Amino acid sequence: MGAGHSHGPAGDAAVAPAHRRRLAIAFGITATIVVAQAVGAAVTGSLALLTDTAHALTDAVGLLVALVAATLMQRPADKRRTWGFRRIEVIAALGQATLLVAVGTYAAVEGVRRLVAPPDVPSTELLVFGVVGLVANVVGIAILSSSRGANLNMRAAFLEVLNDALGSLGVIVAAVVIATTGYQRADAIAGLFIALLIVPRAFAIMRQTFRVLMEYTPEGLDLDEVRAHMLSLDHVRDVHDVHASTVATGLPVISAHVVVDDACFADGHAPAILQRIRTCVAEHFPVSVEHSTIQLETAALREREHATAGHA
């Protein structure tokens, strides 16, 4: 006996077009930043600007992937894809994080090299391109801020633009330091600063996506507590094979085998127990699990399962 719910993203249907529109605008802005900063990096030879350009390029690719993912997530489930494309947001976030690690590693290696032998960097041009990048990123932040909590995909996209804005700020600071003091290593230090922004954030996103892909129990849900609460219900004699995971943001799922009194099947009380269990997992815990699959069974069936498992 199970609890049935729609597997599709119907609940997100109303807000999905707004998410996609914001992503499209942010992508256009970031792509413009990439072009402008690439020109600036070529003109100035700045590591900070080059690193920020690579960061912005990664952001642009990430936003494009996020835009595609946001579109695919709206495709309905079918017999081959029972959850539709809901998990595409997790894969997209993982791809963005992987790109960021690569960029951050390059920036760190090149930054150390330039600390030893710093090249001359024109401060005025560096400042101009840094300001252009910062202004454009602030606009992107404003556009994405209201959607940043929607799912992992939107959160990764927002954080990419936010960190790129900090990178642009680093470029500006480096330009000011070089202009006022002539300290050329400021450019390499800014590049290392940008790398320091990129890598920890990328690993944090990787950790979250890894938890989903490995089907860890949703954060905030204690399965021992879930099992104990089920066992406290009348007529429930045992709870086993409890599993919980997250399909996508806002879509935790749980399944369990629940042994009830044999009489519950004879007197028609089993559906009421099933409904109480469904209500329990949906309302009693910090993480609301509305999609639950509960198998009600007798003690005899439970013993048969044990015997089969032991024989196997």
Protein backbone atom coordinates (compact mmCIF):
# COMPACT_ATOMS: atom_id res chain seq x y z
CA MET A 1 0.00 0.00 0.00
CA GLY A 2 1.59 3.29 -0.97
CA ALA A 3 1.08 7.00 -0.98
CA GLY A 4 0.77 8.47 -4.44
CA HIS A 5 1.74 11.98 -5.47
CA SER A 6 2.53 13.71 -8.71
CA HIS A 7 6.20 13.35 -9.58
CA GLY A 8 6.22 16.37 -11.80
CA PRO A 9 7.22 19.93 -10.93
CA ALA A 10 3.65 21.22 -10.84
CA GLY A 11 4.28 23.17 -7.67
CA ASP A 12 7.03 25.15 -9.38
CA ALA A 13 5.10 25.77 -12.58
CA ALA A 14 3.92 29.24 -11.62
CA VAL A 15 7.36 30.57 -10.65
CA ALA A 16 9.49 28.66 -13.18
CA PRO A 17 9.05 31.20 -16.02
CA ALA A 18 10.23 33.97 -13.68
CA HIS A 19 13.31 31.90 -12.71
CA ARG A 20 14.14 31.27 -16.36
CA ARG A 21 13.66 34.92 -17.29
CA ARG A 22 16.02 36.04 -14.51
CA LEU A 23 18.57 33.43 -15.54
CA ALA A 24 18.39 34.57 -19.18
CA ILE A 25 18.97 38.22 -18.22
CA ALA A 26 21.81 37.29 -15.87
CA PHE A 27 23.40 35.15 -18.60
CA GLY A 28 23.26 38.04 -21.07
CA ILE A 29 24.89 40.40 -18.56
CA THR A 30 27.61 37.89 -17.62
CA ALA A 31 28.38 37.08 -21.26
CA THR A 32 28.88 40.81 -21.84
CA ILE A 33 31.22 40.93 -18.85
CA VAL A 34 33.26 38.06 -20.30
CA VAL A 35 33.79 39.89 -23.58
CA ALA A 36 34.67 43.20 -21.89
CA GLN A 37 37.05 41.62 -19.36
CA ALA A 38 38.70 39.42 -22.00
CA VAL A 39 39.54 42.58 -23.93
CA GLY A 40 40.76 44.17 -20.70
CA ALA A 41 42.95 41.18 -19.81
CA ALA A 42 44.52 41.26 -23.27
CA VAL A 43 45.18 45.00 -23.02
CA THR A 44 46.54 45.06 -19.47
CA GLY A 45 48.09 41.61 -19.06
CA SER A 46 46.56 41.50 -15.55
CA LEU A 47 46.33 38.13 -13.79
CA ALA A 48 43.52 39.42 -11.57
CA LEU A 49 41.52 40.49 -14.61
CA LEU A 50 42.42 37.32 -16.50
CA THR A 51 41.32 35.20 -13.54
CA ASP A 52 38.14 37.21 -13.16
CA THR A 53 37.52 36.78 -16.90
CA ALA A 54 37.91 33.02 -16.55
CA HIS A 55 35.63 33.17 -13.52
CA ALA A 56 33.08 35.19 -15.48
CA LEU A 57 33.33 32.75 -18.39
CA THR A 58 32.69 29.89 -16.00
CA ASP A 59 29.75 31.83 -14.60
CA ALA A 60 28.38 32.44 -18.08
CA VAL A 61 28.63 28.74 -18.93
CA GLY A 62 27.14 27.87 -15.56
CA LEU A 63 24.24 30.28 -16.04
CA LEU A 64 23.60 28.88 -19.50
CA VAL A 65 23.57 25.36 -18.06
CA ALA A 66 21.31 26.58 -15.25
CA LEU A 67 18.95 28.12 -17.80
CA VAL A 68 18.79 24.88 -19.77
CA ALA A 69 18.32 22.93 -16.54
CA ALA A 70 15.50 25.24 -15.39
CA THR A 71 13.77 24.58 -18.70
CA LEU A 72 14.27 20.80 -18.63
CA MET A 73 13.02 20.62 -15.02
CA GLN A 74 9.58 21.62 -16.26
CA ARG A 75 9.24 18.64 -18.57
CA PRO A 76 6.67 16.19 -17.20
CA ALA A 77 7.41 12.72 -15.90
CA ASP A 78 6.78 9.73 -18.15
CA LYS A 79 7.15 5.97 -17.98
CA ARG A 80 10.89 6.17 -18.72
CA ARG A 81 11.66 9.17 -16.52
CA THR A 82 9.44 8.75 -13.49
CA TRP A 83 10.76 11.91 -11.85
CA GLY A 84 10.95 13.86 -15.10
CA PHE A 85 14.12 15.97 -15.24
CA ARG A 86 13.95 17.18 -11.63
CA ARG A 87 17.48 16.00 -10.83
CA ILE A 88 18.99 17.94 -13.73
CA GLU A 89 19.42 20.88 -11.33
CA VAL A 90 21.77 18.78 -9.20
CA ILE A 91 23.85 17.69 -12.20
CA ALA A 92 24.00 21.30 -13.42
CA ALA A 93 25.22 22.51 -10.02
CA LEU A 94 27.88 19.79 -9.94
CA GLY A 95 29.11 20.80 -13.40
CA GLN A 96 29.37 24.44 -12.38
CA ALA A 97 31.29 23.55 -9.22
CA THR A 98 33.74 21.37 -11.16
CA LEU A 99 34.48 24.22 -13.57
CA LEU A 100 35.03 26.60 -10.67
CA VAL A 101 37.56 24.25 -9.05
CA ALA A 102 39.53 24.13 -12.31
CA VAL A 103 39.55 27.94 -12.62
CA GLY A 104 40.47 28.42 -8.96
CA THR A 105 43.36 25.98 -9.21
CA TYR A 106 44.77 27.72 -12.27
CA ALA A 107 44.48 31.13 -10.57
CA ALA A 108 46.30 29.86 -7.48
CA VAL A 109 49.21 28.38 -9.46
CA GLU A 110 49.58 31.41 -11.72
CA GLY A 111 49.23 33.80 -8.78
CA VAL A 112 52.14 32.20 -6.93
CA ARG A 113 54.26 32.34 -10.07
CA ARG A 114 53.54 36.05 -10.55
CA LEU A 115 54.34 36.83 -6.93
CA VAL A 116 57.88 35.72 -7.71
CA ALA A 117 58.12 37.59 -11.02
CA PRO A 118 55.39 40.25 -11.23
CA PRO A 119 54.79 41.79 -14.68
CA ASP A 120 53.94 45.46 -15.18
CA VAL A 121 50.17 46.07 -15.24
CA PRO A 122 48.61 49.42 -16.33
CA SER A 123 46.47 50.54 -13.40
CA THR A 124 44.09 52.91 -15.21
CA GLU A 125 42.87 50.37 -17.74
CA LEU A 126 42.66 47.74 -15.01
CA LEU A 127 40.47 50.05 -12.91
CA VAL A 128 38.12 50.80 -15.80
CA PHE A 129 37.51 47.15 -16.63
CA GLY A 130 37.16 46.26 -12.96
CA VAL A 131 34.44 48.88 -12.48
CA VAL A 132 32.60 47.73 -15.60
CA GLY A 133 32.62 44.16 -14.29
CA LEU A 134 31.48 45.17 -10.80
CA VAL A 135 28.56 47.27 -12.05
CA ALA A 136 27.35 44.51 -14.36
CA ASN A 137 27.65 41.91 -11.60
CA VAL A 138 25.69 44.06 -9.15
CA VAL A 139 22.88 44.19 -11.70
CA GLY A 140 23.02 40.40 -12.05
CA ILE A 141 22.90 39.98 -8.25
CA ALA A 142 19.81 42.18 -8.05
CA ILE A 143 18.10 40.12 -10.73
CA LEU A 144 18.84 36.71 -9.19
CA SER A 145 18.56 37.54 -5.48
CA SER A 146 14.83 36.86 -5.15
CA SER A 147 15.21 33.36 -6.68
CA ARG A 148 18.39 32.24 -4.96
CA GLY A 149 16.59 29.97 -2.49
CA ALA A 150 14.43 28.20 -5.08
CA ASN A 151 16.75 25.20 -5.62
CA LEU A 152 20.39 24.14 -5.86
CA ASN A 153 20.54 25.23 -9.48
CA MET A 154 19.40 28.80 -8.73
CA ARG A 155 21.58 28.98 -5.61
CA ALA A 156 24.68 27.98 -7.57
CA ALA A 157 23.86 30.56 -10.25
CA PHE A 158 23.39 33.34 -7.68
CA LEU A 159 26.61 32.48 -5.83
CA GLU A 160 28.54 32.48 -9.10
CA VAL A 161 27.48 36.05 -9.86
CA LEU A 162 28.05 37.15 -6.25
CA ASN A 163 31.57 35.74 -6.18
CA ASP A 164 32.32 37.23 -9.58
CA ALA A 165 31.31 40.63 -8.16
CA LEU A 166 33.78 40.11 -5.31
CA GLY A 167 36.38 39.18 -7.91
CA SER A 168 35.71 42.44 -9.76
CA LEU A 169 36.09 44.28 -6.47
CA GLY A 170 39.48 42.58 -6.05
CA VAL A 171 40.49 43.83 -9.49
CA ILE A 172 39.51 47.37 -8.53
CA VAL A 173 41.48 47.24 -5.28
CA ALA A 174 44.53 45.91 -7.13
CA ALA A 175 44.26 48.73 -9.67
CA VAL A 176 44.05 51.37 -6.93
CA VAL A 177 47.05 49.90 -5.07
CA ILE A 178 49.16 49.77 -8.23
CA ALA A 179 48.18 53.35 -9.15
CA THR A 180 48.96 54.78 -5.71
CA THR A 181 51.97 52.72 -4.65
CA GLY A 182 53.34 51.05 -7.77
CA TYR A 183 53.20 47.68 -5.99
CA GLN A 184 52.76 45.36 -9.00
CA ARG A 185 52.32 42.24 -6.89
CA ALA A 186 48.89 43.57 -5.92
CA ASP A 187 47.62 42.11 -9.19
CA ALA A 188 48.83 38.61 -8.30
CA ILE A 189 47.46 38.94 -4.77
CA ALA A 190 44.06 39.92 -6.18
CA GLY A 191 44.20 36.86 -8.45
CA LEU A 192 44.90 34.66 -5.43
CA PHE A 193 42.05 36.35 -3.56
CA ILE A 194 39.66 35.48 -6.37
CA ALA A 195 40.89 31.87 -6.30
CA LEU A 196 40.28 31.82 -2.54
CA LEU A 197 36.70 32.91 -3.19
CA ILE A 198 36.11 30.31 -5.86
CA VAL A 199 37.43 27.03 -4.47
CA PRO A 200 35.72 26.75 -1.02
CA ARG A 201 32.37 27.71 -2.50
CA ALA A 202 32.78 25.17 -5.28
CA PHE A 203 33.54 22.40 -2.81
CA ALA A 204 30.50 23.37 -0.72
CA ILE A 205 28.26 22.97 -3.76
CA MET A 206 29.99 19.68 -4.63
CA ARG A 207 29.28 18.41 -1.12
CA GLN A 208 25.57 19.23 -1.44
CA THR A 209 25.23 17.64 -4.87
CA PHE A 210 27.20 14.57 -3.72
CA ARG A 211 24.74 14.07 -0.86
CA VAL A 212 21.83 14.10 -3.30
CA LEU A 213 23.45 11.87 -5.91
CA MET A 214 24.53 9.35 -3.26
CA GLU A 215 20.98 9.42 -1.88
CA TYR A 216 21.94 10.43 1.64
CA THR A 217 19.14 10.97 4.12
CA PRO A 218 17.83 14.55 3.72
CA GLU A 219 19.56 16.93 6.11
CA GLY A 220 17.40 17.54 9.17
CA LEU A 221 15.59 14.21 8.97
CA ASP A 222 16.48 11.64 11.67
CA LEU A 223 15.41 8.17 10.50
CA ASP A 224 15.68 6.74 14.02
CA GLU A 225 13.20 9.35 15.16
CA VAL A 226 10.95 8.62 12.18
CA ARG A 227 10.96 4.91 12.97
CA ALA A 228 10.30 5.50 16.68
CA HIS A 229 7.37 7.77 15.89
CA MET A 230 5.84 5.22 13.54
CA LEU A 231 6.22 2.53 16.20
CA SER A 232 4.32 4.70 18.69
CA LEU A 233 1.19 4.53 16.52
CA ASP A 234 -1.56 2.11 17.55
CA HIS A 235 -1.50 -1.34 15.90
CA VAL A 236 2.06 -0.84 14.53
CA ARG A 237 4.29 -3.73 15.62
CA ASP A 238 7.48 -3.21 13.63
CA VAL A 239 9.07 -0.82 11.13
CA HIS A 240 11.93 -1.92 8.89
CA ASP A 241 13.61 -1.21 5.55
CA VAL A 242 13.30 2.54 6.09
CA HIS A 243 14.96 4.57 3.33
CA ALA A 244 14.96 8.30 2.64
CA SER A 245 16.66 10.43 0.01
CA THR A 246 16.29 13.65 -1.96
CA VAL A 247 15.32 13.60 -5.63
CA ALA A 248 15.79 17.36 -6.08
CA THR A 249 15.45 20.55 -4.06
CA GLY A 250 12.19 20.46 -2.12
CA LEU A 251 11.49 16.84 -3.04
CA PRO A 252 12.53 14.47 -0.22
CA VAL A 253 11.13 10.94 -0.40
CA ILE A 254 10.80 8.12 2.14
CA SER A 255 9.82 4.46 2.02
CA ALA A 256 9.27 1.89 4.77
CA HIS A 257 7.81 -1.51 5.52
CA VAL A 258 5.39 -1.34 8.46
CA VAL A 259 4.11 -4.45 10.26
CA VAL A 260 0.61 -4.04 11.71
CA ASP A 261 -1.80 -6.33 13.54
CA ASP A 262 -3.33 -9.00 11.32
CA ALA A 263 -6.78 -7.86 12.41
CA CYS A 264 -6.26 -4.49 10.71
CA PHE A 265 -6.52 -6.17 7.32
CA ALA A 266 -9.65 -8.08 8.34
CA ASP A 267 -11.61 -5.19 9.83
CA GLY A 268 -10.60 -2.62 7.17
CA HIS A 269 -8.54 -0.53 9.59
CA ALA A 270 -5.35 -0.70 7.48
CA PRO A 271 -6.12 2.36 5.25
CA ALA A 272 -6.58 4.52 8.36
CA ILE A 273 -3.18 3.43 9.69
CA LEU A 274 -1.60 4.18 6.33
CA GLN A 275 -3.07 7.68 6.35
CA ARG A 276 -1.79 8.31 9.90
CA ILE A 277 1.73 7.26 8.86
CA ARG A 278 1.61 9.50 5.79
CA THR A 279 0.46 12.42 7.92
CA CYS A 280 3.20 11.63 10.44
CA VAL A 281 6.08 11.89 7.95
CA ALA A 282 4.54 14.91 6.21
CA GLU A 283 3.82 17.03 9.28
CA HIS A 284 5.63 15.82 12.39
CA PHE A 285 9.30 16.32 11.46
CA PRO A 286 11.40 19.40 10.56
CA VAL A 287 11.70 18.08 7.00
CA SER A 288 8.24 17.59 5.50
CA VAL A 289 8.18 14.43 3.37
CA GLU A 290 5.00 14.55 1.34
CA HIS A 291 6.02 11.77 -1.03
CA SER A 292 6.04 8.57 1.04
CA THR A 293 5.80 4.96 -0.05
CA ILE A 294 4.64 2.76 2.83
CA GLN A 295 4.17 -1.00 2.58
CA LEU A 296 1.83 -2.41 5.22
CA GLU A 297 2.38 -6.08 6.00
CA THR A 298 1.53 -8.78 8.52
CA ALA A 299 3.94 -10.40 10.95
CA ALA A 300 3.82 -13.58 8.86
CA LEU A 301 4.92 -11.69 5.76
CA ARG A 302 7.69 -10.06 7.76
CA GLU A 303 8.97 -13.49 8.87
CA ARG A 304 8.83 -14.71 5.30
CA GLU A 305 10.95 -11.74 4.20
CA HIS A 306 13.47 -12.52 6.93
CA ALA A 307 13.63 -16.16 5.86
CA THR A 308 14.06 -15.22 2.20
CA ALA A 309 16.81 -12.73 3.02
CA GLY A 310 18.62 -15.24 5.21
CA HIS A 311 18.36 -17.93 2.54
CA ALA A 312 19.75 -15.55 -0.08
